[in-house]
PDB file of N, CA and C in Angstrom:
ATOM      1  N   UNK A   1      -7.098  -0.532  17.606  1.00  0.00           N
ATOM      2  CA  UNK A   1      -7.369  -0.644  16.153  1.00  0.00           C
ATOM      3  C   UNK A   1      -8.470   0.184  15.849  1.00  0.00           C
ATOM      4  N   UNK A   2      -9.232   0.869  16.692  1.00  0.00           N
ATOM      5  CA  UNK A   2     -10.160   1.650  16.788  1.00  0.00           C
ATOM      6  C   UNK A   2      -9.929   2.802  15.688  1.00  0.00           C
ATOM      7  N   UNK A   3     -11.150   2.922  14.839  1.00  0.00           N
ATOM      8  CA  UNK A   3     -10.734   4.235  14.050  1.00  0.00           C
ATOM      9  C   UNK A   3     -10.183   3.749  12.561  1.00  0.00           C
ATOM     10  N   UNK A   4      -9.582   2.464  12.201  1.00  0.00           N
ATOM     11  CA  UNK A   4      -9.154   2.269  11.322  1.00  0.00           C
ATOM     12  C   UNK A   4      -9.816   1.837  10.058  1.00  0.00           C
ATOM     13  N   UNK A   5      -9.716   2.691   8.966  1.00  0.00           N
ATOM     14  CA  UNK A   5     -10.337   2.622   7.992  1.00  0.00           C
ATOM     15  C   UNK A   5     -11.540   3.725   8.241  1.00  0.00           C
ATOM     16  N   UNK A   6     -11.572   4.463   9.306  1.00  0.00           N
ATOM     17  CA  UNK A   6     -12.744   5.241   9.582  1.00  0.00           C
ATOM     18  C   UNK A   6     -14.156   5.137   8.741  1.00  0.00           C
ATOM     19  N   UNK A   7     -14.441   3.936   9.138  1.00  0.00           N
ATOM     20  CA  UNK A   7     -16.103   3.646   8.996  1.00  0.00           C
ATOM     21  C   UNK A   7     -16.088   3.176   7.270  1.00  0.00           C
ATOM     22  N   UNK A   8     -15.038   2.821   6.261  1.00  0.00           N
ATOM     23  CA  UNK A   8     -15.208   2.741   5.199  1.00  0.00           C
ATOM     24  C   UNK A   8     -15.807   1.006   5.072  1.00  0.00           C
ATOM     25  N   UNK A   9     -17.023   0.911   4.118  1.00  0.00           N
ATOM     26  CA  UNK A   9     -17.498  -0.336   4.267  1.00  0.00           C
ATOM     27  C   UNK A   9     -16.686  -1.233   3.110  1.00  0.00           C
ATOM     28  N   UNK A  10     -16.909  -2.302   3.318  1.00  0.00           N
ATOM     29  CA  UNK A  10     -16.500  -3.763   2.511  1.00  0.00           C
ATOM     30  C   UNK A  10     -16.256  -3.363   1.032  1.00  0.00           C
ATOM     31  N   UNK A  11     -17.802  -2.795   0.633  1.00  0.00           N
ATOM     32  CA  UNK A  11     -17.889  -2.497  -0.720  1.00  0.00           C
ATOM     33  C   UNK A  11     -16.981  -1.389  -1.148  1.00  0.00           C
ATOM     34  N   UNK A  12     -16.819  -0.437  -0.101  1.00  0.00           N
ATOM     35  CA  UNK A  12     -15.901   1.007  -0.566  1.00  0.00           C
ATOM     36  C   UNK A  12     -14.445   0.428  -0.662  1.00  0.00           C
ATOM     37  N   UNK A  13     -13.884  -0.465   0.309  1.00  0.00           N
ATOM     38  CA  UNK A  13     -12.717  -0.938   0.303  1.00  0.00           C
ATOM     39  C   UNK A  13     -12.383  -1.723  -0.998  1.00  0.00           C
ATOM     40  N   UNK A  14     -13.366  -2.522  -1.860  1.00  0.00           N
ATOM     41  CA  UNK A  14     -13.544  -3.428  -2.746  1.00  0.00           C
ATOM     42  C   UNK A  14     -13.068  -2.489  -3.816  1.00  0.00           C
ATOM     43  N   UNK A  15     -13.883  -1.457  -3.983  1.00  0.00           N
ATOM     44  CA  UNK A  15     -13.809  -0.240  -5.017  1.00  0.00           C
ATOM     45  C   UNK A  15     -12.508   0.520  -4.966  1.00  0.00           C
ATOM     46  N   UNK A  16     -11.984   0.898  -3.845  1.00  0.00           N
ATOM     47  CA  UNK A  16     -10.682   1.406  -4.112  1.00  0.00           C
ATOM     48  C   UNK A  16      -9.686   0.524  -4.439  1.00  0.00           C
ATOM     49  N   UNK A  17      -9.823  -0.867  -3.995  1.00  0.00           N
ATOM     50  CA  UNK A  17      -8.894  -1.805  -4.590  1.00  0.00           C
ATOM     51  C   UNK A  17      -8.705  -2.061  -5.839  1.00  0.00           C
ATOM     52  N   UNK A  18      -9.994  -2.229  -6.304  1.00  0.00           N
ATOM     53  CA  UNK A  18     -10.475  -2.911  -7.829  1.00  0.00           C
ATOM     54  C   UNK A  18      -9.583  -1.375  -8.842  1.00  0.00           C
ATOM     55  N   UNK A  19      -9.801  -0.257  -8.425  1.00  0.00           N
ATOM     56  CA  UNK A  19      -9.276   0.863  -9.306  1.00  0.00           C
ATOM     57  C   UNK A  19      -7.828   0.606  -9.242  1.00  0.00           C
ATOM     58  N   UNK A  20      -7.296   0.364  -8.125  1.00  0.00           N
ATOM     59  CA  UNK A  20      -5.804   0.166  -8.411  1.00  0.00           C
ATOM     60  C   UNK A  20      -5.553  -0.970  -8.775  1.00  0.00           C
ATOM     61  N   UNK A  21      -6.007  -2.258  -8.860  1.00  0.00           N
ATOM     62  CA  UNK A  21      -5.954  -3.465  -9.870  1.00  0.00           C
ATOM     63  C   UNK A  21      -6.206  -3.288 -10.972  1.00  0.00           C
ATOM     64  N   UNK A  22      -6.784  -2.302 -11.472  1.00  0.00           N
ATOM     65  CA  UNK A  22      -7.460  -2.349 -12.992  1.00  0.00           C
ATOM     66  C   UNK A  22      -6.071  -1.648 -13.753  1.00  0.00           C
ATOM     67  N   UNK A  23      -5.190  -1.052 -12.997  1.00  0.00           N
ATOM     68  CA  UNK A  23      -3.956  -0.614 -13.934  1.00  0.00           C
ATOM     69  C   UNK A  23      -3.141  -1.889 -14.368  1.00  0.00           C
ATOM     70  N   UNK A  24      -2.904  -1.879 -15.738  1.00  0.00           N
ATOM     71  CA  UNK A  24      -2.192  -3.045 -16.170  1.00  0.00           C
ATOM     72  C   UNK A  24      -0.935  -3.373 -15.720  1.00  0.00           C
ATOM     73  N   UNK A  25      -0.703  -4.878 -15.522  1.00  0.00           N
ATOM     74  CA  UNK A  25       0.603  -5.136 -14.840  1.00  0.00           C
ATOM     75  C   UNK A  25       0.402  -5.159 -13.153  1.00  0.00           C
ATOM     76  N   UNK A  26      -0.617  -4.266 -12.452  1.00  0.00           N
ATOM     77  CA  UNK A  26      -0.925  -4.529 -11.157  1.00  0.00           C
ATOM     78  C   UNK A  26      -1.286  -5.868 -10.856  1.00  0.00           C
ATOM     79  N   UNK A  27      -0.441  -6.372  -9.894  1.00  0.00           N
ATOM     80  CA  UNK A  27      -0.975  -7.861  -9.583  1.00  0.00           C
ATOM     81  C   UNK A  27      -1.762  -8.018  -8.227  1.00  0.00           C
ATOM     82  N   UNK A  28      -1.603  -6.864  -7.428  1.00  0.00           N
ATOM     83  CA  UNK A  28      -2.391  -6.994  -5.864  1.00  0.00           C
ATOM     84  C   UNK A  28      -2.507  -5.654  -5.704  1.00  0.00           C
ATOM     85  N   UNK A  29      -3.113  -5.553  -4.554  1.00  0.00           N
ATOM     86  CA  UNK A  29      -3.436  -4.319  -3.803  1.00  0.00           C
ATOM     87  C   UNK A  29      -4.096  -4.769  -2.197  1.00  0.00           C
ATOM     88  N   UNK A  30      -3.298  -4.219  -1.611  1.00  0.00           N
ATOM     89  CA  UNK A  30      -3.903  -4.596   0.011  1.00  0.00           C
ATOM     90  C   UNK A  30      -3.464  -3.200   0.565  1.00  0.00           C
ATOM     91  N   UNK A  31      -4.627  -3.045   1.563  1.00  0.00           N
ATOM     92  CA  UNK A  31      -4.515  -2.025   2.733  1.00  0.00           C
ATOM     93  C   UNK A  31      -4.080  -2.834   4.079  1.00  0.00           C
ATOM     94  N   UNK A  32      -2.833  -2.006   4.478  1.00  0.00           N
ATOM     95  CA  UNK A  32      -2.111  -2.887   5.610  1.00  0.00           C
ATOM     96  C   UNK A  32      -1.927  -1.469   6.802  1.00  0.00           C
ATOM     97  N   UNK A  33      -2.169  -2.397   8.023  1.00  0.00           N
ATOM     98  CA  UNK A  33      -2.022  -1.566   9.103  1.00  0.00           C
ATOM     99  C   UNK A  33      -0.110  -1.669   9.335  1.00  0.00           C
ATOM    100  N   UNK A  34       0.500  -0.672   9.045  1.00  0.00           N
ATOM    101  CA  UNK A  34       1.981  -0.810   9.195  1.00  0.00           C
ATOM    102  C   UNK A  34       2.537  -0.964  10.636  1.00  0.00           C
ATOM    103  N   UNK A  35       1.774  -0.487  11.542  1.00  0.00           N
ATOM    104  CA  UNK A  35       2.189  -0.954  12.963  1.00  0.00           C
ATOM    105  C   UNK A  35       2.232  -2.038  13.264  1.00  0.00           C
ATOM    106  N   UNK A  36       1.457  -2.894  13.010  1.00  0.00           N
ATOM    107  CA  UNK A  36       1.587  -4.484  13.284  1.00  0.00           C
ATOM    108  C   UNK A  36       1.056  -5.361  11.968  1.00  0.00           C
ATOM    109  N   UNK A  37       1.135  -5.074  10.769  1.00  0.00           N
ATOM    110  CA  UNK A  37       1.181  -5.866   9.754  1.00  0.00           C
ATOM    111  C   UNK A  37      -0.307  -6.563   9.199  1.00  0.00           C
ATOM    112  N   UNK A  38      -1.168  -5.875  10.115  1.00  0.00           N
ATOM    113  CA  UNK A  38      -2.354  -6.388   9.857  1.00  0.00           C
ATOM    114  C   UNK A  38      -3.172  -6.001   8.498  1.00  0.00           C
ATOM    115  N   UNK A  39      -3.563  -6.915   7.788  1.00  0.00           N
ATOM    116  CA  UNK A  39      -4.240  -6.955   6.410  1.00  0.00           C
ATOM    117  C   UNK A  39      -5.656  -6.292   6.566  1.00  0.00           C
ATOM    118  N   UNK A  40      -5.823  -5.324   6.133  1.00  0.00           N
ATOM    119  CA  UNK A  40      -7.270  -4.465   6.648  1.00  0.00           C
ATOM    120  C   UNK A  40      -8.156  -5.305   5.310  1.00  0.00           C
ATOM    121  N   UNK A  41      -7.575  -5.067   3.999  1.00  0.00           N
ATOM    122  CA  UNK A  41      -8.367  -5.286   3.025  1.00  0.00           C
ATOM    123  C   UNK A  41      -7.749  -5.913   1.945  1.00  0.00           C
ATOM    124  N   UNK A  42      -7.857  -6.721   0.839  1.00  0.00           N
ATOM    125  CA  UNK A  42      -6.918  -7.047  -0.280  1.00  0.00           C
ATOM    126  C   UNK A  42      -7.700  -7.153  -1.596  1.00  0.00           C
ATOM    127  N   UNK A  43      -7.043  -7.373  -2.442  1.00  0.00           N
ATOM    128  CA  UNK A  43      -7.808  -7.434  -3.874  1.00  0.00           C
ATOM    129  C   UNK A  43      -6.748  -8.199  -4.839  1.00  0.00           C
ATOM    130  N   UNK A  44      -7.356  -9.230  -5.645  1.00  0.00           N
ATOM    131  CA  UNK A  44      -6.477  -9.576  -6.580  1.00  0.00           C
ATOM    132  C   UNK A  44      -5.057 -10.247  -6.281  1.00  0.00           C
ATOM    133  N   UNK A  45      -5.043 -11.218  -5.353  1.00  0.00           N
ATOM    134  CA  UNK A  45      -3.750 -11.705  -4.753  1.00  0.00           C
ATOM    135  C   UNK A  45      -3.277 -12.567  -5.574  1.00  0.00           C
ATOM    136  N   UNK A  46      -4.130 -13.413  -6.351  1.00  0.00           N
ATOM    137  CA  UNK A  46      -3.511 -14.405  -7.049  1.00  0.00           C
ATOM    138  C   UNK A  46      -2.806 -15.186  -6.243  1.00  0.00           C
ATOM    139  N   UNK A  47      -1.268 -15.658  -6.745  1.00  0.00           N
ATOM    140  CA  UNK A  47      -0.630 -16.695  -5.817  1.00  0.00           C
ATOM    141  C   UNK A  47       0.124 -16.167  -4.922  1.00  0.00           C
ATOM    142  N   UNK A  48      -0.040 -14.823  -4.727  1.00  0.00           N
ATOM    143  CA  UNK A  48       0.769 -13.894  -3.570  1.00  0.00           C
ATOM    144  C   UNK A  48       0.159 -14.021  -2.437  1.00  0.00           C
ATOM    145  N   UNK A  49       0.781 -14.517  -1.301  1.00  0.00           N
ATOM    146  CA  UNK A  49       0.358 -14.166   0.146  1.00  0.00           C
ATOM    147  C   UNK A  49      -0.030 -13.151   0.617  1.00  0.00           C
ATOM    148  N   UNK A  50      -1.227 -12.582   1.124  1.00  0.00           N
ATOM    149  CA  UNK A  50      -1.547 -11.376   1.621  1.00  0.00           C
ATOM    150  C   UNK A  50      -0.783 -10.882   2.892  1.00  0.00           C
ATOM    151  N   UNK A  51      -0.281 -12.099   3.785  1.00  0.00           N
ATOM    152  CA  UNK A  51       0.242 -12.041   4.794  1.00  0.00           C
ATOM    153  C   UNK A  51       1.760 -11.486   4.766  1.00  0.00           C
ATOM    154  N   UNK A  52       2.377 -12.234   3.576  1.00  0.00           N
ATOM    155  CA  UNK A  52       3.754 -11.865   3.201  1.00  0.00           C
ATOM    156  C   UNK A  52       3.880 -10.373   2.596  1.00  0.00           C
ATOM    157  N   UNK A  53       2.808 -10.019   2.068  1.00  0.00           N
ATOM    158  CA  UNK A  53       2.684  -8.659   1.040  1.00  0.00           C
ATOM    159  C   UNK A  53       2.752  -7.704   2.438  1.00  0.00           C
ATOM    160  N   UNK A  54       1.953  -8.091   3.390  1.00  0.00           N
ATOM    161  CA  UNK A  54       1.904  -7.050   4.504  1.00  0.00           C
ATOM    162  C   UNK A  54       3.067  -7.187   5.458  1.00  0.00           C
ATOM    163  N   UNK A  55       3.640  -8.085   5.764  1.00  0.00           N
ATOM    164  CA  UNK A  55       4.938  -8.005   6.452  1.00  0.00           C
ATOM    165  C   UNK A  55       5.862  -7.226   5.801  1.00  0.00           C
ATOM    166  N   UNK A  56       6.148  -7.444   4.438  1.00  0.00           N
ATOM    167  CA  UNK A  56       7.012  -6.719   3.825  1.00  0.00           C
ATOM    168  C   UNK A  56       6.978  -5.296   3.650  1.00  0.00           C
ATOM    169  N   UNK A  57       5.530  -4.797   3.641  1.00  0.00           N
ATOM    170  CA  UNK A  57       5.289  -3.554   3.267  1.00  0.00           C
ATOM    171  C   UNK A  57       5.536  -2.963   4.943  1.00  0.00           C
ATOM    172  N   UNK A  58       4.942  -3.598   5.542  1.00  0.00           N
ATOM    173  CA  UNK A  58       5.237  -2.994   6.975  1.00  0.00           C
ATOM    174  C   UNK A  58       6.619  -2.749   7.584  1.00  0.00           C
ATOM    175  N   UNK A  59       7.415  -3.776   7.386  1.00  0.00           N
ATOM    176  CA  UNK A  59       8.761  -3.314   7.532  1.00  0.00           C
ATOM    177  C   UNK A  59       9.139  -2.262   6.927  1.00  0.00           C
ATOM    178  N   UNK A  60       8.868  -2.226   5.434  1.00  0.00           N
ATOM    179  CA  UNK A  60       9.499  -1.320   4.735  1.00  0.00           C
ATOM    180  C   UNK A  60       9.238   0.261   4.971  1.00  0.00           C
ATOM    181  N   UNK A  61       7.698   0.244   5.524  1.00  0.00           N
ATOM    182  CA  UNK A  61       7.292   1.584   5.966  1.00  0.00           C
ATOM    183  C   UNK A  61       8.099   2.087   7.391  1.00  0.00           C
ATOM    184  N   UNK A  62       8.385   0.863   8.390  1.00  0.00           N
ATOM    185  CA  UNK A  62       9.046   1.293   9.453  1.00  0.00           C
ATOM    186  C   UNK A  62      10.263   1.530   9.409  1.00  0.00           C
ATOM    187  N   UNK A  63      11.117   1.019   8.191  1.00  0.00           N
ATOM    188  CA  UNK A  63      12.520   1.381   8.236  1.00  0.00           C
ATOM    189  C   UNK A  63      12.614   2.571   7.298  1.00  0.00           C
ATOM    190  N   UNK A  64      11.623   2.896   6.437  1.00  0.00           N
ATOM    191  CA  UNK A  64      11.798   4.197   5.883  1.00  0.00           C
ATOM    192  C   UNK A  64      11.436   5.290   6.796  1.00  0.00           C
ATOM    193  N   UNK A  65      10.604   5.379   7.913  1.00  0.00           N
ATOM    194  CA  UNK A  65      10.328   6.253   8.859  1.00  0.00           C
ATOM    195  C   UNK A  65      11.517   6.363   9.735  1.00  0.00           C
ATOM    196  N   UNK A  66      12.013   5.291  10.005  1.00  0.00           N
ATOM    197  CA  UNK A  66      13.443   5.338  10.969  1.00  0.00           C
ATOM    198  C   UNK A  66      14.504   6.257  10.414  1.00  0.00           C
ATOM    199  N   UNK A  67      14.668   5.750   9.075  1.00  0.00           N
ATOM    200  CA  UNK A  67      15.595   6.637   8.282  1.00  0.00           C
ATOM    201  C   UNK A  67      15.376   7.941   8.167  1.00  0.00           C
ATOM    202  N   UNK A  68      13.856   8.400   7.795  1.00  0.00           N
ATOM    203  CA  UNK A  68      13.655   9.774   7.591  1.00  0.00           C
ATOM    204  C   UNK A  68      13.714  10.523   8.998  1.00  0.00           C
ATOM    205  N   UNK A  69      13.254   9.863   9.907  1.00  0.00           N
ATOM    206  CA  UNK A  69      13.709  10.532  11.272  1.00  0.00           C
ATOM    207  C   UNK A  69      14.967  10.693  11.636  1.00  0.00           C
ATOM    208  N   UNK A  70      15.958   9.953  11.106  1.00  0.00           N
ATOM    209  CA  UNK A  70      17.365  10.128  11.627  1.00  0.00           C
ATOM    210  C   UNK A  70      17.746  11.487  10.426  1.00  0.00           C
ATOM    211  N   UNK A  71      17.256  11.656   9.318  1.00  0.00           N
ATOM    212  CA  UNK A  71      17.498  12.743   8.629  1.00  0.00           C
ATOM    213  C   UNK A  71      16.791  13.751   8.906  1.00  0.00           C
ATOM    214  N   UNK A  72      15.643  13.779  10.223  1.00  0.00           N
ATOM    215  CA  UNK A  72      15.066  15.076  10.351  1.00  0.00           C
ATOM    216  C   UNK A  72      13.725  15.257   9.859  1.00  0.00           C
ATOM    217  N   UNK A  73      13.223  14.081   9.147  1.00  0.00           N
ATOM    218  CA  UNK A  73      12.035  14.325   7.953  1.00  0.00           C
ATOM    219  C   UNK A  73      11.018  13.723   9.074  1.00  0.00           C
ATOM    220  N   UNK A  74       9.823  13.621   8.555  1.00  0.00           N
ATOM    221  CA  UNK A  74       8.414  13.349   9.088  1.00  0.00           C
ATOM    222  C   UNK A  74       8.072  11.817   8.722  1.00  0.00           C
ATOM    223  N   UNK A  75       7.005  11.703   8.509  1.00  0.00           N
ATOM    224  CA  UNK A  75       6.149  10.396   8.320  1.00  0.00           C
ATOM    225  C   UNK A  75       6.698  10.287   6.784  1.00  0.00           C
ATOM    226  N   UNK A  76       7.012   8.951   6.244  1.00  0.00           N
ATOM    227  CA  UNK A  76       7.126   8.972   4.567  1.00  0.00           C
ATOM    228  C   UNK A  76       5.638   8.945   3.908  1.00  0.00           C
ATOM    229  N   UNK A  77       5.489   9.510   3.145  1.00  0.00           N
ATOM    230  CA  UNK A  77       4.164   9.420   2.317  1.00  0.00           C
ATOM    231  C   UNK A  77       4.069   8.318   1.222  1.00  0.00           C
ATOM    232  N   UNK A  78       5.265   7.906   0.211  1.00  0.00           N
ATOM    233  CA  UNK A  78       5.446   7.077  -0.626  1.00  0.00           C
ATOM    234  C   UNK A  78       6.702   6.352  -0.498  1.00  0.00           C
ATOM    235  N   UNK A  79       6.226   5.237  -0.560  1.00  0.00           N
ATOM    236  CA  UNK A  79       7.816   4.375  -0.650  1.00  0.00           C
ATOM    237  C   UNK A  79       7.751   3.325  -1.861  1.00  0.00           C
ATOM    238  N   UNK A  80       8.952   3.271  -2.197  1.00  0.00           N
ATOM    239  CA  UNK A  80       8.584   2.108  -3.622  1.00  0.00           C
ATOM    240  C   UNK A  80      10.092   1.334  -3.646  1.00  0.00           C
ATOM    241  N   UNK A  81       9.989  -0.205  -3.422  1.00  0.00           N
ATOM    242  CA  UNK A  81      11.014  -1.162  -3.673  1.00  0.00           C
ATOM    243  C   UNK A  81      10.989  -1.866  -5.041  1.00  0.00           C
ATOM    244  N   UNK A  82      11.872  -1.700  -5.534  1.00  0.00           N
ATOM    245  CA  UNK A  82      11.826  -2.178  -6.980  1.00  0.00           C
ATOM    246  C   UNK A  82      12.785  -3.618  -7.316  1.00  0.00           C
ATOM    247  N   UNK A  83      12.646  -4.523  -7.993  1.00  0.00           N
ATOM    248  CA  UNK A  83      13.644  -5.412  -8.275  1.00  0.00           C
ATOM    249  C   UNK A  83      13.361  -6.040  -9.685  1.00  0.00           C
ATOM    250  N   UNK A  84      14.070  -6.847 -10.144  1.00  0.00           N
ATOM    251  CA  UNK A  84      13.961  -7.381 -11.708  1.00  0.00           C
ATOM    252  C   UNK A  84      12.463  -8.081 -11.683  1.00  0.00           C
ATOM    253  N   UNK A  85      11.767  -8.664 -10.474  1.00  0.00           N
ATOM    254  CA  UNK A  85      10.560  -9.285 -10.958  1.00  0.00           C
ATOM    255  C   UNK A  85       9.191  -8.692 -10.561  1.00  0.00           C
ATOM    256  N   UNK A  86       9.467  -7.298 -10.197  1.00  0.00           N
ATOM    257  CA  UNK A  86       8.688  -6.525  -9.970  1.00  0.00           C
ATOM    258  C   UNK A  86       8.799  -5.160  -9.052  1.00  0.00           C
ATOM    259  N   UNK A  87       7.843  -4.669  -8.551  1.00  0.00           N
ATOM    260  CA  UNK A  87       7.778  -3.516  -7.786  1.00  0.00           C
ATOM    261  C   UNK A  87       6.793  -3.600  -6.361  1.00  0.00           C
ATOM    262  N   UNK A  88       7.076  -2.909  -5.502  1.00  0.00           N
ATOM    263  CA  UNK A  88       6.080  -2.747  -4.489  1.00  0.00           C
ATOM    264  C   UNK A  88       6.014  -1.203  -4.188  1.00  0.00           C
ATOM    265  N   UNK A  89       4.769  -0.649  -4.592  1.00  0.00           N
ATOM    266  CA  UNK A  89       4.633   0.658  -4.085  1.00  0.00           C
ATOM    267  C   UNK A  89       3.570   0.851  -2.827  1.00  0.00           C
ATOM    268  N   UNK A  90       4.135   1.830  -1.768  1.00  0.00           N
ATOM    269  CA  UNK A  90       3.011   2.099  -0.833  1.00  0.00           C
ATOM    270  C   UNK A  90       2.928   3.372  -0.505  1.00  0.00           C
ATOM    271  N   UNK A  91       1.600   3.811  -0.338  1.00  0.00           N
ATOM    272  CA  UNK A  91       1.156   5.244  -0.396  1.00  0.00           C
ATOM    273  C   UNK A  91       0.678   5.263   1.285  1.00  0.00           C
ATOM    274  N   UNK A  92       0.789   6.292   1.929  1.00  0.00           N
ATOM    275  CA  UNK A  92       0.536   6.616   3.407  1.00  0.00           C
ATOM    276  C   UNK A  92      -0.829   6.888   3.476  1.00  0.00           C
ATOM    277  N   UNK A  93      -1.887   6.429   4.313  1.00  0.00           N
ATOM    278  CA  UNK A  93      -3.205   6.887   4.298  1.00  0.00           C
ATOM    279  C   UNK A  93      -3.373   7.207   5.767  1.00  0.00           C
ATOM    280  N   UNK A  94      -4.378   7.204   6.776  1.00  0.00           N
ATOM    281  CA  UNK A  94      -4.436   7.753   7.843  1.00  0.00           C
ATOM    282  C   UNK A  94      -3.592   6.927   9.016  1.00  0.00           C
ATOM    283  N   UNK A  95      -2.642   7.371   9.766  1.00  0.00           N
ATOM    284  CA  UNK A  95      -1.926   6.269  10.224  1.00  0.00           C
ATOM    285  C   UNK A  95      -2.642   5.450  11.221  1.00  0.00           C
ATOM    286  N   UNK A  96      -2.481   4.033  11.009  1.00  0.00           N
ATOM    287  CA  UNK A  96      -1.172   3.536  10.660  1.00  0.00           C
ATOM    288  C   UNK A  96      -1.529   2.774   9.282  1.00  0.00           C
ATOM    289  N   UNK A  97      -2.528   3.134   8.369  1.00  0.00           N
ATOM    290  CA  UNK A  97      -2.813   2.331   7.113  1.00  0.00           C
ATOM    291  C   UNK A  97      -2.025   2.799   6.267  1.00  0.00           C
ATOM    292  N   UNK A  98      -1.741   1.900   5.265  1.00  0.00           N
ATOM    293  CA  UNK A  98      -1.164   2.150   4.050  1.00  0.00           C
ATOM    294  C   UNK A  98      -1.616   1.246   2.965  1.00  0.00           C
ATOM    295  N   UNK A  99      -1.530   1.932   1.599  1.00  0.00           N
ATOM    296  CA  UNK A  99      -2.179   1.420   0.493  1.00  0.00           C
ATOM    297  C   UNK A  99      -1.044   0.934  -0.405  1.00  0.00           C
ATOM    298  N   UNK A 100      -0.908  -0.424  -0.479  1.00  0.00           N
ATOM    299  CA  UNK A 100       0.194  -0.993  -1.232  1.00  0.00           C
ATOM    300  C   UNK A 100      -0.288  -1.749  -2.336  1.00  0.00           C
ATOM    301  N   UNK A 101       0.484  -1.661  -3.427  1.00  0.00           N
ATOM    302  CA  UNK A 101       0.246  -2.384  -4.501  1.00  0.00           C
ATOM    303  C   UNK A 101       1.652  -3.013  -5.170  1.00  0.00           C
ATOM    304  N   UNK A 102       1.524  -4.126  -5.740  1.00  0.00           N
ATOM    305  CA  UNK A 102       2.235  -5.123  -5.804  1.00  0.00           C
ATOM    306  C   UNK A 102       2.243  -5.024  -7.794  1.00  0.00           C
ATOM    307  N   UNK A 103       3.402  -4.729  -8.259  1.00  0.00           N
ATOM    308  CA  UNK A 103       3.159  -4.612  -9.704  1.00  0.00           C
ATOM    309  C   UNK A 103       4.338  -5.362 -10.301  1.00  0.00           C
ATOM    310  N   UNK A 104       3.855  -5.958 -11.610  1.00  0.00           N
ATOM    311  CA  UNK A 104       4.862  -6.485 -12.507  1.00  0.00           C
ATOM    312  C   UNK A 104       5.766  -5.711 -13.039  1.00  0.00           C
ATOM    313  N   UNK A 105       7.019  -6.039 -13.660  1.00  0.00           N
ATOM    314  CA  UNK A 105       7.935  -5.091 -14.332  1.00  0.00           C
ATOM    315  C   UNK A 105       7.198  -4.194 -15.449  1.00  0.00           C
ATOM    316  N   UNK A 106       6.137  -4.593 -16.029  1.00  0.00           N
ATOM    317  CA  UNK A 106       5.790  -3.707 -17.170  1.00  0.00           C
ATOM    318  C   UNK A 106       4.751  -2.815 -16.605  1.00  0.00           C
ATOM    319  N   UNK A 107       4.202  -2.793 -15.521  1.00  0.00           N
ATOM    320  CA  UNK A 107       3.292  -1.856 -14.896  1.00  0.00           C
ATOM    321  C   UNK A 107       3.689  -0.452 -15.080  1.00  0.00           C
ATOM    322  N   UNK A 108       2.742   0.455 -15.106  1.00  0.00           N
ATOM    323  CA  UNK A 108       3.160   1.828 -15.531  1.00  0.00           C
ATOM    324  C   UNK A 108       3.289   2.314 -14.014  1.00  0.00           C
ATOM    325  N   UNK A 109       4.314   2.676 -13.292  1.00  0.00           N
ATOM    326  CA  UNK A 109       4.705   2.656 -12.113  1.00  0.00           C
ATOM    327  C   UNK A 109       4.312   4.220 -11.966  1.00  0.00           C
ATOM    328  N   UNK A 110       4.332   5.353 -12.896  1.00  0.00           N
ATOM    329  CA  UNK A 110       4.295   6.758 -12.589  1.00  0.00           C
ATOM    330  C   UNK A 110       2.626   6.866 -12.290  1.00  0.00           C
ATOM    331  N   UNK A 111       1.787   6.308 -13.389  1.00  0.00           N
ATOM    332  CA  UNK A 111       0.322   6.177 -13.097  1.00  0.00           C
ATOM    333  C   UNK A 111      -0.039   5.401 -11.687  1.00  0.00           C
ATOM    334  N   UNK A 112       0.786   4.431 -11.368  1.00  0.00           N
ATOM    335  CA  UNK A 112       0.332   3.738 -10.137  1.00  0.00           C
ATOM    336  C   UNK A 112       0.521   4.611  -9.008  1.00  0.00           C
ATOM    337  N   UNK A 113       1.652   5.087  -8.904  1.00  0.00           N
ATOM    338  CA  UNK A 113       2.322   6.020  -7.450  1.00  0.00           C
ATOM    339  C   UNK A 113       1.137   7.276  -7.700  1.00  0.00           C
ATOM    340  N   UNK A 114       0.488   7.908  -8.738  1.00  0.00           N
ATOM    341  CA  UNK A 114      -0.088   9.084  -8.680  1.00  0.00           C
ATOM    342  C   UNK A 114      -1.614   8.502  -8.215  1.00  0.00           C
ATOM    343  N   UNK A 115      -2.107   7.637  -8.738  1.00  0.00           N
ATOM    344  CA  UNK A 115      -3.181   6.907  -8.211  1.00  0.00           C
ATOM    345  C   UNK A 115      -3.119   6.494  -6.686  1.00  0.00           C
ATOM    346  N   UNK A 116      -2.358   5.763  -6.413  1.00  0.00           N
ATOM    347  CA  UNK A 116      -1.897   5.257  -5.025  1.00  0.00           C
ATOM    348  C   UNK A 116      -2.135   6.434  -4.126  1.00  0.00           C
ATOM    349  N   UNK A 117      -1.405   7.700  -4.313  1.00  0.00           N
ATOM    350  CA  UNK A 117      -1.218   8.851  -3.585  1.00  0.00           C
ATOM    351  C   UNK A 117      -2.683   9.570  -3.512  1.00  0.00           C
ATOM    352  N   UNK A 118      -3.540   9.484  -4.587  1.00  0.00           N
ATOM    353  CA  UNK A 118      -4.832  10.328  -4.437  1.00  0.00           C
ATOM    354  C   UNK A 118      -5.634   9.265  -3.633  1.00  0.00           C
ATOM    355  N   UNK A 119      -5.649   8.002  -3.765  1.00  0.00           N
ATOM    356  CA  UNK A 119      -6.658   7.013  -3.325  1.00  0.00           C
ATOM    357  C   UNK A 119      -6.078   6.915  -1.560  1.00  0.00           C
ATOM    358  N   UNK A 120      -5.096   6.814  -1.293  1.00  0.00           N
ATOM    359  CA  UNK A 120      -4.507   6.844   0.094  1.00  0.00           C
ATOM    360  C   UNK A 120      -5.174   7.843   0.782  1.00  0.00           C
ATOM    361  N   UNK A 121      -5.482   9.086   0.289  1.00  0.00           N
ATOM    362  CA  UNK A 121      -6.187  10.046   0.869  1.00  0.00           C
ATOM    363  C   UNK A 121      -7.681   9.579   0.739  1.00  0.00           C
ATOM    364  N   UNK A 122      -8.009   9.039   0.043  1.00  0.00           N
ATOM    365  CA  UNK A 122      -9.737   8.673   0.530  1.00  0.00           C
ATOM    366  C   UNK A 122      -9.920   7.833   1.493  1.00  0.00           C
ATOM    367  N   UNK A 123      -8.908   7.198   2.073  1.00  0.00           N
ATOM    368  CA  UNK A 123      -9.116   6.376   3.347  1.00  0.00           C
ATOM    369  C   UNK A 123      -9.212   7.218   4.452  1.00  0.00           C
ATOM    370  N   UNK A 124      -8.964   8.619   4.268  1.00  0.00           N
ATOM    371  CA  UNK A 124      -8.950   9.104   5.672  1.00  0.00           C
ATOM    372  C   UNK A 124     -10.454   9.686   6.120  1.00  0.00           C
TER     373      UNK A 124
END
């Protein structure tokens, strides 16, 4: 686990996640280690269980990586899983970290995907 977050302070994690949760319709933001599903930092979880979000995100990342490997691609950069009740968007940070957002159906997903991609790079 050495090197995760590359020296980001709790204040820096909170600022990063607060920016994500400031998008209308975003219910939660979590930084997850996809290799083991460990929650590194979380914001605005409300009635969501961060362990459940982390487990689902880690499984999504592992399955996406396996599929891309089969297709001859590299590591996924952005993954999205949507349904009638909302969407999970995951953006790759430094391996194994991923920035995850849980959004309600009315959230601006394009804006969210752009922000997650930009901010996942900040975690490096």
